[in-house]
N, C-alpha and C. Protein backbone atom coordinates (compact mmCIF):
# COMPACT_ATOMS: atom_id res chain seq x y z
N UNK A 1 -28.41 -7.66 5.33
CA UNK A 1 -27.46 -8.76 5.32
C UNK A 1 -26.50 -8.56 4.15
N UNK A 2 -25.23 -8.83 4.37
CA UNK A 2 -24.21 -8.66 3.34
C UNK A 2 -24.16 -9.90 2.44
N UNK A 3 -23.98 -9.65 1.15
CA UNK A 3 -23.93 -10.75 0.19
C UNK A 3 -22.70 -11.62 0.39
N UNK A 4 -21.55 -11.01 0.63
CA UNK A 4 -20.30 -11.75 0.76
C UNK A 4 -19.80 -11.68 2.20
N UNK A 5 -20.19 -12.66 2.97
CA UNK A 5 -19.67 -12.74 4.33
C UNK A 5 -18.25 -13.28 4.26
N UNK A 6 -17.45 -12.97 5.26
CA UNK A 6 -16.08 -13.47 5.29
C UNK A 6 -15.82 -14.23 6.58
N UNK A 7 -14.77 -15.02 6.53
CA UNK A 7 -14.32 -15.75 7.71
C UNK A 7 -13.22 -14.93 8.37
N UNK A 8 -13.34 -14.75 9.66
CA UNK A 8 -12.31 -14.04 10.43
C UNK A 8 -11.20 -15.01 10.77
N UNK A 9 -9.97 -14.62 10.49
CA UNK A 9 -8.80 -15.38 10.90
C UNK A 9 -8.16 -14.55 12.02
N UNK A 10 -8.46 -14.95 13.26
CA UNK A 10 -8.05 -14.14 14.41
C UNK A 10 -6.73 -14.65 14.99
N UNK A 11 -5.76 -13.75 15.09
CA UNK A 11 -4.44 -14.08 15.64
C UNK A 11 -4.17 -13.17 16.84
N UNK A 12 -3.53 -13.75 17.85
CA UNK A 12 -3.15 -12.97 19.02
C UNK A 12 -1.87 -13.55 19.60
N UNK A 13 -1.03 -12.66 20.09
CA UNK A 13 0.15 -13.08 20.83
C UNK A 13 0.41 -12.02 21.90
N UNK A 14 0.80 -12.47 23.09
CA UNK A 14 1.02 -11.54 24.20
C UNK A 14 2.24 -10.68 23.96
N UNK A 15 3.36 -11.31 23.65
CA UNK A 15 4.60 -10.59 23.40
C UNK A 15 5.24 -11.18 22.18
N UNK A 16 5.93 -10.34 21.43
CA UNK A 16 6.67 -10.84 20.28
C UNK A 16 8.15 -10.63 20.57
N UNK A 17 8.75 -11.60 21.26
CA UNK A 17 10.16 -11.51 21.61
C UNK A 17 10.91 -12.69 21.03
N UNK A 18 12.21 -12.59 21.04
CA UNK A 18 13.02 -13.67 20.48
C UNK A 18 12.91 -14.93 21.32
N UNK A 19 12.44 -14.82 22.57
CA UNK A 19 12.29 -15.98 23.42
C UNK A 19 11.02 -16.75 23.11
N UNK A 20 10.12 -16.16 22.35
CA UNK A 20 8.85 -16.78 22.04
C UNK A 20 9.06 -17.93 21.06
N UNK A 21 8.33 -19.01 21.25
CA UNK A 21 8.41 -20.14 20.31
C UNK A 21 7.98 -19.68 18.93
N UNK A 22 8.68 -20.15 17.92
CA UNK A 22 8.37 -19.80 16.53
C UNK A 22 6.95 -20.22 16.17
N UNK A 23 6.47 -21.36 16.72
CA UNK A 23 5.14 -21.86 16.38
C UNK A 23 4.03 -20.95 16.89
N UNK A 24 4.34 -20.08 17.85
CA UNK A 24 3.33 -19.19 18.39
C UNK A 24 3.34 -17.81 17.76
N UNK A 25 4.21 -17.58 16.78
CA UNK A 25 4.31 -16.26 16.19
C UNK A 25 3.07 -15.93 15.36
N UNK A 26 2.84 -14.67 15.19
CA UNK A 26 1.72 -14.19 14.38
C UNK A 26 1.85 -14.72 12.94
N UNK A 27 3.06 -14.70 12.41
CA UNK A 27 3.28 -15.15 11.03
C UNK A 27 2.83 -16.59 10.87
N UNK A 28 3.21 -17.45 11.79
CA UNK A 28 2.84 -18.86 11.68
C UNK A 28 1.36 -19.08 11.94
N UNK A 29 0.77 -18.29 12.81
CA UNK A 29 -0.68 -18.39 13.01
C UNK A 29 -1.40 -18.04 11.71
N UNK A 30 -0.93 -17.01 11.03
CA UNK A 30 -1.56 -16.59 9.78
C UNK A 30 -1.47 -17.69 8.72
N UNK A 31 -0.29 -18.28 8.59
CA UNK A 31 -0.10 -19.35 7.59
C UNK A 31 -1.04 -20.52 7.88
N UNK A 32 -1.08 -20.93 9.14
CA UNK A 32 -1.94 -22.06 9.54
C UNK A 32 -3.40 -21.75 9.26
N UNK A 33 -3.86 -20.58 9.67
CA UNK A 33 -5.28 -20.23 9.52
C UNK A 33 -5.68 -20.08 8.05
N UNK A 34 -4.78 -19.53 7.21
CA UNK A 34 -5.08 -19.42 5.79
C UNK A 34 -5.25 -20.80 5.17
N UNK A 35 -4.37 -21.71 5.54
CA UNK A 35 -4.44 -23.07 5.00
C UNK A 35 -5.74 -23.76 5.42
N UNK A 36 -6.09 -23.66 6.68
CA UNK A 36 -7.31 -24.30 7.18
C UNK A 36 -8.55 -23.65 6.57
N UNK A 37 -8.53 -22.34 6.41
CA UNK A 37 -9.66 -21.65 5.78
C UNK A 37 -9.87 -22.15 4.36
N UNK A 38 -8.78 -22.28 3.61
CA UNK A 38 -8.88 -22.78 2.23
C UNK A 38 -9.39 -24.22 2.21
N UNK A 39 -8.91 -25.06 3.11
CA UNK A 39 -9.35 -26.45 3.18
C UNK A 39 -10.83 -26.57 3.51
N UNK A 40 -11.38 -25.58 4.20
CA UNK A 40 -12.78 -25.61 4.59
C UNK A 40 -13.67 -24.77 3.67
N UNK A 41 -13.11 -24.32 2.56
CA UNK A 41 -13.91 -23.63 1.55
C UNK A 41 -14.22 -22.17 1.84
N UNK A 42 -13.49 -21.55 2.75
CA UNK A 42 -13.70 -20.13 3.02
C UNK A 42 -12.89 -19.32 2.01
N UNK A 43 -13.58 -18.78 1.01
CA UNK A 43 -12.91 -18.04 -0.06
C UNK A 43 -12.59 -16.61 0.36
N UNK A 44 -13.45 -16.03 1.17
CA UNK A 44 -13.28 -14.65 1.61
C UNK A 44 -12.89 -14.65 3.08
N UNK A 45 -11.66 -14.19 3.33
CA UNK A 45 -11.16 -14.16 4.71
C UNK A 45 -10.60 -12.78 5.02
N UNK A 46 -10.53 -12.51 6.31
CA UNK A 46 -9.93 -11.24 6.75
C UNK A 46 -9.23 -11.50 8.07
N UNK A 47 -7.99 -11.00 8.19
CA UNK A 47 -7.23 -11.14 9.43
C UNK A 47 -7.62 -10.06 10.42
N UNK A 48 -7.72 -10.46 11.66
CA UNK A 48 -7.87 -9.55 12.78
C UNK A 48 -6.75 -9.94 13.75
N UNK A 49 -5.82 -9.02 14.00
CA UNK A 49 -4.60 -9.37 14.73
C UNK A 49 -4.41 -8.46 15.93
N UNK A 50 -4.26 -9.08 17.09
CA UNK A 50 -3.91 -8.37 18.32
C UNK A 50 -2.50 -8.81 18.71
N UNK A 51 -1.51 -8.04 18.30
CA UNK A 51 -0.11 -8.36 18.57
C UNK A 51 0.32 -7.60 19.83
N UNK A 52 0.74 -8.32 20.84
CA UNK A 52 1.19 -7.70 22.08
C UNK A 52 0.10 -7.54 23.12
N UNK A 53 -0.99 -8.30 23.00
CA UNK A 53 -2.11 -8.22 23.95
C UNK A 53 -2.28 -9.53 24.70
N UNK A 54 -2.46 -9.44 25.99
CA UNK A 54 -2.67 -10.62 26.82
C UNK A 54 -4.05 -11.23 26.56
N UNK A 55 -4.11 -12.54 26.68
CA UNK A 55 -5.38 -13.23 26.53
C UNK A 55 -6.26 -13.11 27.76
N UNK A 56 -5.73 -12.54 28.83
CA UNK A 56 -6.52 -12.38 30.05
C UNK A 56 -7.42 -11.15 29.99
N UNK A 57 -7.17 -10.27 29.01
CA UNK A 57 -8.05 -9.12 28.83
C UNK A 57 -8.82 -9.28 27.52
N UNK A 58 -10.04 -8.81 27.52
CA UNK A 58 -10.85 -8.88 26.30
C UNK A 58 -11.08 -7.48 25.73
N UNK A 59 -10.31 -6.53 26.21
CA UNK A 59 -10.35 -5.17 25.69
C UNK A 59 -9.18 -5.01 24.71
N UNK A 60 -9.34 -5.68 23.56
CA UNK A 60 -8.30 -5.70 22.54
C UNK A 60 -8.88 -5.10 21.25
N UNK A 61 -8.12 -4.26 20.56
CA UNK A 61 -8.67 -3.56 19.39
C UNK A 61 -9.22 -4.48 18.30
N UNK A 62 -8.44 -5.47 17.88
CA UNK A 62 -8.90 -6.34 16.79
C UNK A 62 -10.09 -7.18 17.22
N UNK A 63 -10.11 -7.60 18.48
CA UNK A 63 -11.24 -8.38 18.99
C UNK A 63 -12.51 -7.53 18.95
N UNK A 64 -12.40 -6.27 19.33
CA UNK A 64 -13.57 -5.36 19.29
C UNK A 64 -14.02 -5.15 17.85
N UNK A 65 -13.08 -5.00 16.91
CA UNK A 65 -13.45 -4.85 15.50
C UNK A 65 -14.15 -6.10 14.98
N UNK A 66 -13.65 -7.27 15.41
CA UNK A 66 -14.27 -8.53 15.01
C UNK A 66 -15.71 -8.59 15.53
N UNK A 67 -15.91 -8.23 16.79
CA UNK A 67 -17.26 -8.24 17.37
C UNK A 67 -18.18 -7.32 16.58
N UNK A 68 -17.70 -6.14 16.22
CA UNK A 68 -18.51 -5.20 15.45
C UNK A 68 -18.88 -5.77 14.08
N UNK A 69 -17.92 -6.42 13.43
CA UNK A 69 -18.19 -7.04 12.12
C UNK A 69 -19.21 -8.16 12.26
N UNK A 70 -19.13 -8.92 13.33
CA UNK A 70 -20.10 -10.00 13.57
C UNK A 70 -21.49 -9.41 13.79
N UNK A 71 -21.58 -8.38 14.63
CA UNK A 71 -22.88 -7.74 14.89
C UNK A 71 -23.48 -7.15 13.61
N UNK A 72 -22.61 -6.71 12.69
CA UNK A 72 -23.07 -6.12 11.43
C UNK A 72 -23.48 -7.19 10.42
N UNK A 73 -23.32 -8.47 10.77
CA UNK A 73 -23.73 -9.55 9.88
C UNK A 73 -22.75 -9.83 8.76
N UNK A 74 -21.48 -9.44 8.92
CA UNK A 74 -20.49 -9.58 7.87
C UNK A 74 -19.67 -10.87 7.99
N UNK A 75 -19.81 -11.59 9.11
CA UNK A 75 -18.92 -12.72 9.40
C UNK A 75 -19.69 -14.04 9.40
N UNK A 76 -19.09 -15.05 8.74
CA UNK A 76 -19.71 -16.38 8.72
C UNK A 76 -18.97 -17.35 9.65
N UNK A 77 -17.70 -17.07 9.95
CA UNK A 77 -16.92 -17.98 10.79
C UNK A 77 -15.77 -17.24 11.44
N UNK A 78 -15.31 -17.78 12.58
CA UNK A 78 -14.12 -17.28 13.27
C UNK A 78 -13.18 -18.46 13.44
N UNK A 79 -11.95 -18.31 12.95
CA UNK A 79 -10.93 -19.35 13.08
C UNK A 79 -9.79 -18.83 13.93
N UNK A 80 -9.35 -19.65 14.88
CA UNK A 80 -8.20 -19.33 15.72
C UNK A 80 -7.28 -20.55 15.76
N UNK A 81 -6.01 -20.32 16.07
CA UNK A 81 -5.05 -21.43 16.17
C UNK A 81 -5.47 -22.37 17.28
N UNK A 82 -5.72 -21.82 18.46
CA UNK A 82 -6.23 -22.60 19.59
C UNK A 82 -7.09 -21.69 20.44
N UNK A 83 -7.83 -22.28 21.33
CA UNK A 83 -8.81 -21.53 22.13
C UNK A 83 -8.16 -20.40 22.93
N UNK A 84 -6.90 -20.59 23.34
CA UNK A 84 -6.22 -19.56 24.15
C UNK A 84 -5.93 -18.31 23.33
N UNK A 85 -5.91 -18.41 21.99
CA UNK A 85 -5.70 -17.20 21.17
C UNK A 85 -6.92 -16.30 21.30
N UNK A 86 -8.11 -16.88 21.44
CA UNK A 86 -9.31 -16.06 21.65
C UNK A 86 -9.28 -15.42 23.02
N UNK A 87 -8.83 -16.17 24.02
CA UNK A 87 -8.71 -15.60 25.36
C UNK A 87 -8.46 -16.65 26.41
N UNK A 88 -8.15 -16.16 27.61
CA UNK A 88 -7.82 -17.04 28.73
C UNK A 88 -8.73 -16.79 29.93
N UNK A 89 -9.98 -16.52 29.68
CA UNK A 89 -10.97 -16.35 30.73
C UNK A 89 -12.14 -17.27 30.38
N UNK A 90 -12.30 -18.33 31.16
CA UNK A 90 -13.28 -19.35 30.78
C UNK A 90 -14.71 -18.83 30.75
N UNK A 91 -15.05 -17.84 31.58
CA UNK A 91 -16.41 -17.30 31.54
C UNK A 91 -16.65 -16.53 30.24
N UNK A 92 -15.67 -15.75 29.84
CA UNK A 92 -15.81 -14.96 28.61
C UNK A 92 -15.81 -15.88 27.38
N UNK A 93 -14.96 -16.90 27.38
CA UNK A 93 -14.94 -17.86 26.27
C UNK A 93 -16.30 -18.56 26.18
N UNK A 94 -16.83 -18.94 27.33
CA UNK A 94 -18.16 -19.56 27.35
C UNK A 94 -19.22 -18.65 26.76
N UNK A 95 -19.14 -17.36 27.06
CA UNK A 95 -20.08 -16.39 26.50
C UNK A 95 -20.00 -16.38 24.97
N UNK A 96 -18.77 -16.31 24.45
CA UNK A 96 -18.61 -16.30 22.99
C UNK A 96 -19.15 -17.57 22.35
N UNK A 97 -18.77 -18.73 22.91
CA UNK A 97 -19.14 -20.00 22.27
C UNK A 97 -20.59 -20.39 22.46
N UNK A 98 -21.15 -20.07 23.60
CA UNK A 98 -22.52 -20.50 23.90
C UNK A 98 -23.57 -19.45 23.55
N UNK A 99 -23.17 -18.17 23.49
CA UNK A 99 -24.16 -17.13 23.24
C UNK A 99 -23.85 -16.27 22.02
N UNK A 100 -22.72 -15.59 22.05
CA UNK A 100 -22.44 -14.58 21.02
C UNK A 100 -22.35 -15.18 19.62
N UNK A 101 -21.49 -16.17 19.41
CA UNK A 101 -21.35 -16.76 18.07
C UNK A 101 -22.65 -17.42 17.60
N UNK A 102 -23.30 -18.27 18.41
CA UNK A 102 -24.55 -18.88 17.93
C UNK A 102 -25.65 -17.85 17.63
N UNK A 103 -25.76 -16.81 18.44
CA UNK A 103 -26.78 -15.78 18.23
C UNK A 103 -26.60 -15.11 16.86
N UNK A 104 -25.35 -15.00 16.40
CA UNK A 104 -25.07 -14.35 15.13
C UNK A 104 -24.78 -15.35 14.01
N UNK A 105 -25.06 -16.63 14.29
CA UNK A 105 -24.88 -17.70 13.29
C UNK A 105 -23.45 -17.73 12.74
N UNK A 106 -22.49 -17.69 13.67
CA UNK A 106 -21.08 -17.69 13.31
C UNK A 106 -20.47 -19.02 13.73
N UNK A 107 -19.85 -19.68 12.77
CA UNK A 107 -19.14 -20.94 13.03
C UNK A 107 -17.82 -20.62 13.72
N UNK A 108 -17.45 -21.43 14.72
CA UNK A 108 -16.19 -21.22 15.43
C UNK A 108 -15.29 -22.45 15.26
N UNK A 109 -14.03 -22.18 14.92
CA UNK A 109 -13.06 -23.27 14.77
C UNK A 109 -11.77 -22.92 15.52
N UNK A 110 -11.34 -23.82 16.41
CA UNK A 110 -10.03 -23.73 17.06
C UNK A 110 -9.22 -24.89 16.49
N UNK A 111 -8.30 -24.59 15.61
CA UNK A 111 -7.63 -25.58 14.78
C UNK A 111 -6.89 -26.63 15.59
N UNK A 112 -5.97 -26.21 16.46
CA UNK A 112 -5.15 -27.21 17.16
C UNK A 112 -5.94 -28.00 18.20
N UNK A 113 -7.07 -27.50 18.63
CA UNK A 113 -7.89 -28.23 19.58
C UNK A 113 -8.92 -29.12 18.91
N UNK A 114 -9.00 -29.04 17.58
CA UNK A 114 -9.97 -29.85 16.86
C UNK A 114 -11.41 -29.43 17.14
N UNK A 115 -11.60 -28.17 17.48
CA UNK A 115 -12.94 -27.67 17.82
C UNK A 115 -13.55 -27.01 16.60
N UNK A 116 -14.74 -27.47 16.24
CA UNK A 116 -15.50 -26.91 15.13
C UNK A 116 -16.96 -26.94 15.55
N UNK A 117 -17.55 -25.78 15.74
CA UNK A 117 -18.93 -25.73 16.24
C UNK A 117 -19.93 -26.38 15.29
N UNK A 118 -19.55 -26.60 14.02
CA UNK A 118 -20.44 -27.27 13.08
C UNK A 118 -20.40 -28.78 13.18
N UNK A 119 -19.27 -29.34 13.64
CA UNK A 119 -19.12 -30.80 13.59
C UNK A 119 -18.80 -31.45 14.92
N UNK A 120 -18.26 -30.72 15.87
CA UNK A 120 -17.88 -31.33 17.14
C UNK A 120 -18.59 -30.65 18.30
N UNK A 121 -18.67 -31.37 19.37
CA UNK A 121 -19.26 -30.82 20.58
C UNK A 121 -18.30 -29.83 21.21
N UNK A 122 -18.83 -28.78 21.77
CA UNK A 122 -18.00 -27.80 22.47
C UNK A 122 -18.10 -28.00 23.98
N UNK A 123 -18.54 -29.19 24.41
CA UNK A 123 -18.72 -29.47 25.83
C UNK A 123 -17.43 -29.33 26.64
N UNK A 124 -16.28 -29.70 26.04
CA UNK A 124 -15.03 -29.66 26.78
C UNK A 124 -14.32 -28.32 26.67
N UNK A 125 -14.80 -27.42 25.85
CA UNK A 125 -14.15 -26.12 25.67
C UNK A 125 -14.04 -25.35 26.98
N UNK A 126 -15.09 -25.31 27.83
CA UNK A 126 -14.91 -24.61 29.10
C UNK A 126 -13.77 -25.18 29.94
N UNK A 127 -13.58 -26.49 29.89
CA UNK A 127 -12.47 -27.10 30.62
C UNK A 127 -11.14 -26.62 30.05
N UNK A 128 -11.00 -26.58 28.72
CA UNK A 128 -9.79 -26.06 28.10
C UNK A 128 -9.55 -24.61 28.54
N UNK A 129 -10.62 -23.84 28.57
CA UNK A 129 -10.51 -22.42 28.94
C UNK A 129 -10.08 -22.26 30.38
N UNK A 130 -10.61 -23.10 31.27
CA UNK A 130 -10.19 -23.05 32.68
C UNK A 130 -8.70 -23.34 32.78
N UNK A 131 -8.24 -24.36 32.05
CA UNK A 131 -6.82 -24.70 32.07
C UNK A 131 -5.97 -23.56 31.52
N UNK A 132 -6.43 -22.91 30.46
CA UNK A 132 -5.69 -21.77 29.91
C UNK A 132 -5.62 -20.63 30.91
N UNK A 133 -6.73 -20.37 31.62
CA UNK A 133 -6.75 -19.30 32.61
C UNK A 133 -5.81 -19.64 33.77
N UNK A 134 -5.82 -20.88 34.23
CA UNK A 134 -4.91 -21.30 35.30
C UNK A 134 -3.46 -21.17 34.85
N UNK A 135 -3.19 -21.53 33.60
CA UNK A 135 -1.84 -21.42 33.06
C UNK A 135 -1.39 -19.96 33.09
N UNK A 136 -2.24 -19.04 32.64
CA UNK A 136 -1.88 -17.62 32.63
C UNK A 136 -1.61 -17.13 34.05
N UNK A 137 -2.41 -17.54 35.01
CA UNK A 137 -2.19 -17.13 36.40
C UNK A 137 -0.89 -17.72 36.94
N UNK A 138 -0.62 -18.98 36.59
CA UNK A 138 0.60 -19.64 37.07
C UNK A 138 1.84 -18.95 36.51
N UNK A 139 1.83 -18.61 35.23
CA UNK A 139 2.96 -17.92 34.61
C UNK A 139 3.16 -16.56 35.29
N UNK A 140 2.08 -15.85 35.53
CA UNK A 140 2.16 -14.54 36.17
C UNK A 140 2.77 -14.67 37.57
N UNK A 141 2.33 -15.66 38.32
CA UNK A 141 2.87 -15.88 39.67
C UNK A 141 4.36 -16.21 39.60
N UNK A 142 4.75 -17.06 38.67
CA UNK A 142 6.15 -17.44 38.53
C UNK A 142 7.01 -16.25 38.13
N UNK A 143 6.50 -15.39 37.26
CA UNK A 143 7.26 -14.20 36.86
C UNK A 143 7.46 -13.26 38.04
N UNK A 144 6.41 -13.06 38.86
CA UNK A 144 6.55 -12.20 40.04
C UNK A 144 7.59 -12.77 41.00
N UNK A 145 7.56 -14.09 41.21
CA UNK A 145 8.55 -14.73 42.09
C UNK A 145 9.96 -14.57 41.54
N UNK A 146 10.13 -14.72 40.24
CA UNK A 146 11.45 -14.58 39.62
C UNK A 146 11.98 -13.16 39.81
N UNK A 147 11.13 -12.15 39.56
CA UNK A 147 11.57 -10.77 39.72
C UNK A 147 11.89 -10.46 41.18
N UNK A 148 11.06 -10.96 42.09
CA UNK A 148 11.31 -10.75 43.52
C UNK A 148 12.64 -11.39 43.93
N UNK A 149 12.89 -12.59 43.42
CA UNK A 149 14.13 -13.29 43.73
C UNK A 149 15.34 -12.52 43.18
N UNK A 150 15.26 -12.05 41.96
CA UNK A 150 16.36 -11.27 41.37
C UNK A 150 16.62 -10.01 42.16
N UNK A 151 15.53 -9.31 42.50
CA UNK A 151 15.68 -8.06 43.25
C UNK A 151 16.32 -8.30 44.61
N UNK A 152 15.98 -9.40 45.26
CA UNK A 152 16.52 -9.68 46.60
C UNK A 152 18.01 -10.00 46.56
N UNK A 153 18.53 -10.38 45.40
CA UNK A 153 19.97 -10.65 45.28
C UNK A 153 20.73 -9.43 44.78
N UNK A 154 20.04 -8.32 44.59
CA UNK A 154 20.69 -7.10 44.14
C UNK A 154 20.75 -6.94 42.64
N UNK A 155 20.14 -7.86 41.92
CA UNK A 155 20.11 -7.77 40.47
C UNK A 155 19.09 -6.71 40.07
N UNK A 156 19.51 -5.78 39.25
CA UNK A 156 18.61 -4.72 38.79
C UNK A 156 17.58 -5.32 37.83
N UNK A 157 16.32 -4.98 38.03
CA UNK A 157 15.26 -5.47 37.14
C UNK A 157 14.57 -4.27 36.50
N UNK A 158 14.03 -4.48 35.35
CA UNK A 158 13.33 -3.41 34.65
C UNK A 158 14.30 -2.49 33.94
N UNK A 159 13.77 -1.39 33.47
CA UNK A 159 14.59 -0.39 32.77
C UNK A 159 15.22 0.55 33.77
N UNK A 160 16.45 0.98 33.52
CA UNK A 160 17.11 1.90 34.44
C UNK A 160 16.39 3.24 34.49
N UNK A 161 16.37 3.84 35.66
CA UNK A 161 15.79 5.16 35.83
C UNK A 161 16.76 6.20 35.27
N UNK A 162 16.24 7.39 35.03
CA UNK A 162 17.08 8.46 34.48
C UNK A 162 18.23 8.74 35.45
N UNK A 163 19.41 8.78 34.93
CA UNK A 163 20.60 8.98 35.75
C UNK A 163 21.44 7.71 35.84
N UNK A 164 20.87 6.61 35.39
CA UNK A 164 21.57 5.33 35.39
C UNK A 164 21.50 4.72 33.99
N UNK A 165 22.35 3.76 33.75
CA UNK A 165 22.35 3.03 32.49
C UNK A 165 22.57 1.55 32.78
N UNK A 166 22.12 0.73 31.89
CA UNK A 166 22.28 -0.72 32.06
C UNK A 166 23.74 -1.09 31.87
N UNK A 167 24.20 -2.05 32.64
CA UNK A 167 25.57 -2.54 32.47
C UNK A 167 25.69 -3.23 31.13
N UNK A 168 26.90 -3.53 30.73
CA UNK A 168 27.11 -4.13 29.41
C UNK A 168 26.34 -5.43 29.25
N UNK A 169 26.27 -6.24 30.29
CA UNK A 169 25.45 -7.46 30.26
C UNK A 169 24.02 -7.10 30.64
N UNK A 170 23.11 -8.03 30.51
CA UNK A 170 21.70 -7.74 30.83
C UNK A 170 21.42 -7.76 32.32
N UNK A 171 22.26 -8.44 33.11
CA UNK A 171 22.02 -8.50 34.55
C UNK A 171 23.08 -7.71 35.28
N UNK A 172 22.87 -7.55 36.55
CA UNK A 172 23.82 -6.81 37.37
C UNK A 172 23.28 -5.45 37.72
N UNK A 173 24.00 -4.75 38.58
CA UNK A 173 23.51 -3.42 39.00
C UNK A 173 23.64 -2.41 37.86
N UNK A 174 22.83 -1.36 37.93
CA UNK A 174 22.92 -0.31 36.94
C UNK A 174 24.17 0.51 37.20
N UNK A 175 24.68 1.14 36.17
CA UNK A 175 25.83 2.02 36.30
C UNK A 175 25.35 3.46 36.23
N UNK A 176 26.09 4.34 36.87
CA UNK A 176 25.73 5.76 36.83
C UNK A 176 26.02 6.30 35.43
N UNK A 177 25.05 7.01 34.89
CA UNK A 177 25.22 7.73 33.63
C UNK A 177 25.61 9.14 34.06
N UNK A 178 26.91 9.45 34.01
CA UNK A 178 27.42 10.67 34.61
C UNK A 178 26.85 11.94 33.99
N UNK A 179 26.59 11.91 32.70
CA UNK A 179 26.01 13.09 32.05
C UNK A 179 24.59 13.34 32.58
N UNK A 180 23.78 12.30 32.64
CA UNK A 180 22.41 12.44 33.16
C UNK A 180 22.43 12.69 34.66
N UNK A 181 23.38 12.11 35.38
CA UNK A 181 23.47 12.29 36.83
C UNK A 181 23.71 13.77 37.17
N UNK A 182 24.48 14.46 36.33
CA UNK A 182 24.72 15.89 36.55
C UNK A 182 23.41 16.67 36.46
N UNK A 183 22.56 16.29 35.53
CA UNK A 183 21.24 16.93 35.38
C UNK A 183 20.39 16.66 36.61
N UNK A 184 20.39 15.41 37.09
CA UNK A 184 19.61 15.05 38.29
C UNK A 184 20.09 15.85 39.50
N UNK A 185 21.41 15.97 39.68
CA UNK A 185 21.96 16.75 40.82
C UNK A 185 21.55 18.22 40.71
N UNK A 186 21.58 18.76 39.48
CA UNK A 186 21.17 20.13 39.26
C UNK A 186 19.70 20.34 39.64
N UNK A 187 18.85 19.42 39.26
CA UNK A 187 17.41 19.51 39.58
C UNK A 187 17.22 19.48 41.10
N UNK A 188 17.94 18.62 41.79
CA UNK A 188 17.83 18.55 43.25
C UNK A 188 18.31 19.85 43.90
N UNK A 189 19.42 20.42 43.37
CA UNK A 189 19.90 21.70 43.94
C UNK A 189 18.86 22.79 43.75
N UNK A 190 18.21 22.82 42.57
CA UNK A 190 17.16 23.82 42.34
C UNK A 190 15.98 23.61 43.30
N UNK A 191 15.64 22.35 43.54
CA UNK A 191 14.51 22.07 44.42
C UNK A 191 14.82 22.48 45.85
N UNK A 192 16.06 22.31 46.27
CA UNK A 192 16.45 22.68 47.65
C UNK A 192 16.51 24.19 47.78
């Protein structure tokens, strides 16, 4: 057993784009978690950050490192901004809260949800997790519909393929990149 256990301050964000709300940024998650850790007397903390990883997958590097540190007996608590930062799969969240963390005597806190395994019941956490999972599925479905709708109107989506370039604006058809197009024509002539 390690003499100085630390509290994990776990941060995750799916994408870091300018369209993302400032309150969901990694920087703001870190500030919030540091403040809450200090308020709860956690003197030794360590950040574990998965930047650019979806909450629907649990194959994330920092999450795996956190699990290893917990198994090694180095962690006394895990703090997250909200339950969705840990993940968006209610079965996996249930596993962490009902089995993994208690088995390793790790306190769990989801700050914005008011969840603290030491002081509050975690009975409603599976419900929150189901809602988070439904939200992730709904967003995914809406994004697919949006891309399908754009494509059906002739709007180019995604990155241009070699031989084309994006128009000056973000939407609209791709333009031919004449220098690259010459290379593509040459390759086709060689293939023929």
